[in-house]
Protein backbone atom coordinates (compact mmCIF):
# COMPACT_ATOMS: atom_id res chain seq x y z
CA MET A 1 22.38 -4.60 13.95
CA ARG A 2 21.16 -1.07 13.29
CA ALA A 3 17.40 -0.59 13.56
CA VAL A 4 14.73 1.97 14.41
CA LEU A 5 12.41 0.98 17.25
CA LEU A 6 8.92 2.33 17.75
CA THR A 7 8.81 2.68 21.54
CA ARG A 8 5.27 4.04 22.08
CA HIS A 9 2.39 5.81 20.36
CA GLY A 10 3.24 9.42 19.61
CA GLY A 11 5.14 11.72 17.29
CA PRO A 12 8.46 11.15 15.51
CA ASP A 13 10.19 11.26 18.92
CA ALA A 14 8.64 7.83 19.58
CA LEU A 15 11.16 6.44 17.08
CA GLU A 16 14.52 5.38 18.54
CA TYR A 17 17.51 4.73 16.25
CA ARG A 18 19.88 2.16 17.72
CA GLU A 19 23.01 0.31 16.61
CA ASP A 20 22.98 -2.47 19.23
CA VAL A 21 19.78 -4.39 18.43
CA PRO A 22 20.41 -8.16 18.48
CA ASP A 23 20.51 -9.78 15.04
CA PRO A 24 17.37 -11.88 14.45
CA GLU A 25 17.90 -15.57 13.75
CA PRO A 26 15.65 -17.48 11.32
CA GLY A 27 13.47 -20.11 12.97
CA PRO A 28 12.19 -23.32 11.34
CA GLY A 29 10.69 -22.54 7.94
CA GLU A 30 12.03 -18.97 7.94
CA VAL A 31 14.63 -17.02 6.03
CA ARG A 32 16.66 -14.03 7.12
CA ILE A 33 16.91 -11.14 4.71
CA ARG A 34 19.60 -8.50 4.54
CA VAL A 35 17.48 -5.44 3.95
CA ARG A 36 18.43 -3.20 1.05
CA ALA A 37 15.33 -1.00 0.99
CA THR A 38 12.06 -0.58 2.89
CA ALA A 39 9.24 1.70 1.76
CA LEU A 40 7.03 3.84 3.99
CA ASN A 41 3.26 3.42 4.24
CA ASN A 42 0.35 5.22 5.88
CA THR A 43 0.11 2.28 8.30
CA ASP A 44 3.53 3.19 9.73
CA ILE A 45 2.31 6.68 10.56
CA TRP A 46 -1.16 5.76 11.78
CA THR A 47 0.16 2.97 13.99
CA ARG A 48 2.83 5.24 15.45
CA GLU A 49 0.18 7.85 16.19
CA GLY A 50 -2.34 5.31 17.49
CA ALA A 51 -4.73 6.73 14.92
CA TYR A 52 -6.66 3.53 14.26
CA GLY A 53 -8.54 4.00 17.51
CA ALA A 54 -11.94 5.66 17.81
CA PRO A 55 -13.03 7.88 20.73
CA ASP A 56 -15.42 5.24 22.08
CA ASP A 57 -12.95 2.33 21.81
CA PRO A 58 -11.98 0.66 25.10
CA VAL A 59 -8.38 1.00 23.94
CA ALA A 60 -8.17 4.44 22.36
CA GLN A 61 -4.80 3.88 20.72
CA HIS A 62 -3.82 0.69 18.97
CA GLY A 63 -2.71 -0.88 15.70
CA TRP A 64 -4.66 -1.61 12.56
CA ARG A 65 -6.22 -4.80 14.01
CA ARG A 66 -8.02 -2.76 16.67
CA GLU A 67 -6.17 -4.39 19.54
CA ALA A 68 -3.43 -3.29 21.92
CA PHE A 69 -0.06 -2.82 20.23
CA THR A 70 3.18 -4.38 21.50
CA PHE A 71 6.25 -2.18 22.04
CA PRO A 72 9.02 -1.92 21.14
CA ARG A 73 8.44 -2.81 17.50
CA ILE A 74 10.51 -2.46 14.35
CA GLN A 75 8.11 -1.16 11.71
CA GLY A 76 8.45 -1.36 7.95
CA ALA A 77 6.35 -3.79 5.90
CA ASP A 78 7.76 -3.37 2.40
CA VAL A 79 11.13 -5.07 2.20
CA ALA A 80 13.51 -5.83 -0.66
CA GLY A 81 16.89 -7.45 -0.16
CA GLU A 82 18.64 -10.79 -0.33
CA ILE A 83 18.48 -13.93 1.79
CA ASP A 84 21.59 -14.32 3.94
CA ALA A 85 20.55 -17.21 6.22
CA VAL A 86 17.87 -19.91 6.38
CA GLY A 87 16.19 -21.82 9.18
CA ALA A 88 15.58 -25.53 9.51
CA GLY A 89 13.61 -27.00 6.64
CA VAL A 90 14.59 -24.32 4.11
CA SER A 91 17.00 -25.11 1.29
CA ALA A 92 20.43 -23.57 1.76
CA GLN A 93 20.38 -22.88 -1.98
CA ARG A 94 18.15 -19.89 -1.25
CA VAL A 95 21.04 -18.03 0.40
CA GLY A 96 21.99 -15.15 -1.87
CA GLU A 97 18.56 -15.03 -3.56
CA ARG A 98 17.26 -11.54 -4.34
CA VAL A 99 13.77 -11.28 -2.91
CA LEU A 100 10.73 -9.12 -2.33
CA VAL A 101 8.69 -9.81 0.80
CA ASP A 102 4.94 -10.42 0.93
CA PRO A 103 4.10 -8.59 4.19
CA MET A 104 0.86 -10.50 4.85
CA ILE A 105 1.67 -13.37 7.23
CA TYR A 106 -1.31 -15.72 7.33
CA ASP A 107 -2.46 -19.21 6.39
CA GLY A 108 -5.77 -20.06 4.79
CA ASP A 109 -8.08 -18.31 2.35
CA GLU A 110 -8.84 -14.62 1.92
CA ARG A 111 -11.01 -14.51 5.06
CA ALA A 112 -7.77 -14.84 7.03
CA LEU A 113 -6.78 -11.39 5.74
CA VAL A 114 -9.18 -9.79 8.20
CA VAL A 115 -6.97 -10.91 11.08
CA THR A 116 -3.67 -11.37 9.26
CA ASP A 117 -0.36 -10.57 10.88
CA TYR A 118 1.36 -7.70 9.09
CA LEU A 119 5.11 -7.30 8.86
CA GLY A 120 6.18 -4.31 10.92
CA SER A 121 3.03 -4.52 13.03
CA GLU A 122 2.62 -7.98 14.58
CA TYR A 123 6.14 -8.98 13.46
CA ASP A 124 9.33 -6.90 13.45
CA GLY A 125 9.79 -5.39 10.01
CA GLY A 126 12.31 -3.84 7.68
CA PHE A 127 13.44 -0.58 9.28
CA ALA A 128 16.57 -2.48 10.20
CA GLU A 129 19.54 -4.18 8.60
CA LEU A 130 18.07 -7.68 8.99
CA VAL A 131 14.58 -9.18 9.15
CA THR A 132 13.22 -12.74 9.34
CA VAL A 133 10.07 -13.90 7.56
CA PRO A 134 8.43 -17.21 6.62
CA ALA A 135 10.26 -18.63 3.60
CA GLY A 136 7.09 -18.64 1.51
CA ASN A 137 6.73 -14.87 1.97
CA ALA A 138 10.09 -14.18 0.31
CA HIS A 139 9.56 -14.16 -3.47
CA ALA A 140 12.48 -14.34 -5.88
CA VAL A 141 12.53 -11.39 -8.28
CA ARG A 142 14.18 -10.65 -11.59
CA GLY A 143 14.19 -7.74 -13.98
CA ASP A 144 15.79 -4.31 -13.86
CA LEU A 145 13.98 -2.70 -10.93
CA ASP A 146 16.40 -1.59 -8.23
CA ASP A 147 15.88 -2.37 -4.57
CA ALA A 148 14.10 0.90 -3.78
CA GLU A 149 11.71 0.42 -6.69
CA LEU A 150 10.98 -3.14 -5.60
CA ALA A 151 10.37 -2.06 -2.01
CA SER A 152 7.73 0.38 -3.27
CA LEU A 153 5.53 -2.49 -4.45
CA PRO A 154 4.33 -4.82 -1.66
CA THR A 155 1.67 -2.92 0.29
CA ALA A 156 0.74 -0.32 -2.34
CA GLY A 157 0.80 -2.66 -5.32
CA THR A 158 -0.95 -5.51 -3.58
CA THR A 159 -3.61 -3.22 -2.15
CA ALA A 160 -4.27 -1.82 -5.64
CA MET A 161 -4.37 -5.32 -7.15
CA ARG A 162 -6.85 -6.40 -4.48
CA MET A 163 -9.05 -3.35 -5.02
CA LEU A 164 -9.38 -3.81 -8.76
CA GLY A 165 -9.91 -7.54 -8.34
CA ARG A 166 -12.63 -7.00 -5.74
CA ALA A 167 -14.30 -4.52 -8.07
CA GLY A 168 -14.11 -6.96 -10.98
CA LEU A 169 -12.51 -4.46 -13.36
CA VAL A 170 -12.19 -5.87 -16.89
CA ALA A 171 -10.84 -4.72 -20.22
CA GLY A 172 -12.84 -1.97 -21.90
CA GLU A 173 -14.27 -0.53 -18.68
CA THR A 174 -13.56 2.94 -17.31
CA VAL A 175 -12.16 3.28 -13.80
CA LEU A 176 -11.72 6.47 -11.78
CA VAL A 177 -8.75 6.34 -9.38
CA THR A 178 -8.51 8.84 -6.52
CA GLY A 179 -5.23 9.67 -4.80
CA ALA A 180 -3.45 8.74 -8.01
CA SER A 181 -0.15 10.34 -6.98
CA GLY A 182 0.22 8.06 -3.94
CA GLY A 183 1.61 4.55 -3.81
CA VAL A 184 -1.73 2.72 -4.06
CA GLY A 185 -3.20 5.14 -6.59
CA SER A 186 -0.19 5.14 -8.91
CA ALA A 187 -0.09 1.34 -8.79
CA ALA A 188 -3.84 1.17 -9.52
CA VAL A 189 -3.38 3.36 -12.61
CA GLN A 190 -0.76 0.98 -14.01
CA ILE A 191 -2.58 -2.24 -13.08
CA ALA A 192 -5.82 -0.95 -14.60
CA LYS A 193 -4.01 -0.09 -17.84
CA ASP A 194 -2.44 -3.54 -17.84
CA ARG A 195 -5.98 -4.96 -17.66
CA GLY A 196 -7.03 -2.97 -20.69
CA ALA A 197 -9.20 -0.40 -18.88
CA ARG A 198 -9.53 3.32 -19.54
CA VAL A 199 -8.19 5.23 -16.54
CA VAL A 200 -9.39 8.55 -15.14
CA ALA A 201 -7.01 9.65 -12.40
CA VAL A 202 -7.55 12.32 -9.73
CA ALA A 203 -4.53 14.14 -8.30
CA GLY A 204 -3.18 17.58 -7.41
CA GLU A 205 -2.44 19.81 -10.40
CA ALA A 206 1.34 19.77 -9.91
CA LYS A 207 1.37 15.99 -10.23
CA HIS A 208 -0.62 15.58 -13.45
CA ALA A 209 2.35 15.12 -15.79
CA ALA A 210 3.74 12.29 -13.66
CA ILE A 211 0.34 10.55 -13.58
CA ARG A 212 -0.07 10.83 -17.35
CA ALA A 213 3.37 9.28 -17.73
CA LEU A 214 2.06 6.24 -15.84
CA GLY A 215 -0.57 5.75 -18.52
CA ALA A 216 -3.64 7.58 -17.23
CA ASP A 217 -5.96 8.52 -20.10
CA VAL A 218 -7.49 11.50 -18.27
CA VAL A 219 -6.22 13.35 -15.19
CA LEU A 220 -8.56 15.54 -13.16
CA GLY A 221 -7.76 18.05 -10.43
CA ARG A 222 -8.27 17.06 -6.83
CA ASP A 223 -10.79 19.85 -6.24
CA ALA A 224 -12.58 19.53 -9.57
CA ASP A 225 -16.34 19.20 -9.91
CA LEU A 226 -16.19 15.55 -10.95
CA LEU A 227 -19.39 15.40 -12.97
CA ALA A 228 -18.57 18.58 -14.89
CA ALA A 229 -14.92 17.63 -15.38
CA LEU A 230 -15.85 14.19 -16.72
CA HIS A 231 -18.45 15.63 -19.09
CA ALA A 232 -15.84 18.08 -20.40
CA GLN A 233 -13.74 15.04 -21.32
CA GLY A 234 -16.68 13.37 -23.07
CA ILE A 235 -17.18 10.84 -20.26
CA ASP A 236 -20.74 10.52 -18.96
CA GLU A 237 -20.05 7.94 -16.25
CA VAL A 238 -17.51 5.36 -15.07
CA ASP A 239 -17.84 1.66 -14.34
CA VAL A 240 -15.58 1.52 -11.29
CA VAL A 241 -14.34 3.98 -8.68
CA ALA A 242 -11.19 2.92 -6.82
CA ASP A 243 -10.99 5.24 -3.82
CA VAL A 244 -8.39 5.79 -1.13
CA VAL A 245 -9.45 9.33 -0.22
CA ALA A 246 -13.14 9.28 0.86
CA GLY A 247 -14.08 12.35 2.93
CA LYS A 248 -16.44 14.93 1.46
CA ALA A 249 -15.98 13.60 -2.11
CA PHE A 250 -17.71 10.30 -1.29
CA GLY A 251 -21.17 11.34 -2.51
CA ASP A 252 -19.81 12.75 -5.76
CA LEU A 253 -17.83 9.57 -6.39
CA LEU A 254 -21.01 7.52 -6.16
CA ARG A 255 -22.83 9.90 -8.50
CA VAL A 256 -20.32 9.46 -11.33
CA LEU A 257 -20.88 5.69 -11.39
CA ALA A 258 -22.91 4.09 -14.16
CA PRO A 259 -25.92 1.95 -13.25
CA LEU A 260 -24.60 -1.31 -11.74
CA GLY A 261 -21.28 0.44 -11.16
CA ARG A 262 -18.87 -0.60 -8.41
CA TYR A 263 -17.24 1.57 -5.77
CA VAL A 264 -14.27 0.01 -3.95
CA VAL A 265 -12.51 1.69 -1.04
CA ALA A 266 -9.19 0.89 0.66
CA GLY A 267 -8.43 4.11 2.48
CA ALA A 268 -9.86 7.33 3.88
CA ILE A 269 -7.11 9.92 3.69
CA ALA A 270 -9.59 12.81 3.63
CA GLY A 271 -11.69 11.38 6.47
CA PRO A 272 -13.43 8.11 7.35
CA LEU A 273 -16.85 9.59 8.17
CA VAL A 274 -18.80 10.23 4.97
CA GLU A 275 -22.26 11.25 3.79
CA ALA A 276 -24.19 9.85 0.85
CA ASP A 277 -27.72 9.72 -0.48
CA LEU A 278 -28.67 6.06 -0.22
CA ARG A 279 -31.08 6.52 -3.11
CA THR A 280 -28.03 6.90 -5.36
CA ILE A 281 -26.92 3.43 -4.28
CA TYR A 282 -30.18 1.53 -4.48
CA LEU A 283 -31.83 3.24 -7.45
CA ARG A 284 -28.72 2.84 -9.60
CA GLN A 285 -28.06 -0.59 -8.07
CA LEU A 286 -24.48 0.21 -7.17
CA THR A 287 -22.11 -2.12 -5.36
CA VAL A 288 -20.03 -0.72 -2.49
CA VAL A 289 -17.00 -2.86 -1.65
CA GLY A 290 -14.48 -2.68 1.17
CA SER A 291 -10.92 -3.78 0.49
CA SER A 292 -7.62 -3.62 2.34
CA PHE A 293 -4.56 -5.84 2.20
CA GLY A 294 -4.11 -8.23 -0.70
CA THR A 295 -3.90 -12.00 -0.66
CA HIS A 296 -0.81 -14.07 -1.35
CA ALA A 297 -2.20 -14.55 -4.88
CA ASP A 298 -2.53 -10.78 -5.28
CA PHE A 299 1.08 -10.35 -4.19
CA ALA A 300 2.24 -12.97 -6.68
CA ALA A 301 0.34 -11.09 -9.40
CA VAL A 302 2.16 -7.89 -8.44
CA VAL A 303 5.53 -9.63 -8.66
CA ASP A 304 4.55 -11.00 -12.07
CA ALA A 305 3.50 -7.54 -13.29
CA ALA A 306 6.79 -6.08 -12.08
CA ASN A 307 8.79 -8.86 -13.72
CA ARG A 308 6.93 -8.20 -17.00
CA GLY A 309 7.59 -4.48 -16.80
CA ALA A 310 3.87 -3.69 -16.53
CA LEU A 311 4.25 -2.15 -13.07
CA ARG A 312 7.03 0.32 -12.46
CA PRO A 313 6.81 2.17 -9.16
CA LEU A 314 7.89 5.77 -8.72
CA VAL A 315 10.49 6.41 -6.02
CA ALA A 316 10.18 10.00 -4.86
CA GLY A 317 12.80 9.97 -2.11
CA ARG A 318 15.49 7.82 -0.52
CA TYR A 319 16.63 8.20 3.09
CA PRO A 320 19.24 6.59 5.35
CA LEU A 321 17.86 4.46 8.16
CA ALA A 322 18.91 6.95 10.84
CA GLU A 323 16.67 9.58 9.19
CA LEU A 324 13.43 7.60 9.33
CA GLY A 325 11.82 10.39 11.37
CA ARG A 326 12.55 12.92 8.62
CA ALA A 327 11.29 10.47 6.01
CA GLN A 328 8.01 10.10 7.90
CA ALA A 329 7.63 13.87 8.20
CA ASP A 330 8.09 14.22 4.45
CA PHE A 331 5.65 11.35 3.91
CA VAL A 332 2.96 13.12 5.95
CA ALA A 333 3.48 16.31 3.91
CA LYS A 334 2.45 14.37 0.75
CA ASP A 335 4.43 16.69 -1.51
CA PHE A 336 5.61 13.92 -3.81
CA VAL A 337 4.48 11.35 -6.37
CA GLY A 338 5.03 7.65 -5.66
CA LYS A 339 6.86 6.25 -2.64
CA LEU A 340 9.48 7.21 -0.07
CA VAL A 341 12.06 4.57 0.79
CA VAL A 342 14.59 3.97 3.56
CA GLU A 343 17.87 2.30 2.61
CA PRO A 344 19.70 0.82 5.64
């Protein structure tokens, strides 16, 4: 089959496009999927670069689980396609089923997420023509979303669903979403609206119209003075901040929270090392919550939202498999709204 192999940590030249990779065969309890689309994620880039490591780590470069990474690896966690073969113990009636793949490969409760296997990281993923996954991770889908739109959902949508669930967002509350033009942020805007919340989104000026079209009630500029910008909109404070940016804005994000407000973080695009006045946290009795990948239940909720039409991802670009390197370069540039997708 055709596939792109990550051969080492490094730049785009660490990616090797090949047309002679052996076809994977489904093992017991697995299905094989003919890949129609696979979306890009920050994890693809950071793993390729070895960027999860810290200077004082014994292994300076590694994957998201903070352990040595195995090469070569086919990356690509977010897969849409159809089942073309099944392993022992799986009904042959599933052949031909259109599916979306839950990329979290684990058993047990949500604590298992901390050490979950992730498709495209611990298992070969979807930057290929074929991929095998446990049968339970392949969810049948319906509705009018095309394959590229479906592939935009798994990591971004499930991460957003997990964030808002961890923060306990309910109808009638106000949530501020940073990075609203990205995959996680744009999904969070739609999921929050589906929950009946008021949404304040933060994004670059050129992307405001697209974010409003997703349902955001208020859109603020990325470099805005948050307190002043909120007051100008008649908003004194917010109940929840859903953050994937962090960096120098961290302190301001805490300050816009109402007493007993909740801050939930699932990314640090602007930098992982932050400063804050702890008095803001304890005097206002704020809750600070870490979140990352979603559970199997979160993924099922994303599929349900997509099937109901409540979650419609934005596909900003489509690339052939052989141009994965170019797709990743465009992804890093961040000059788009939504997701970039490879179509083998």
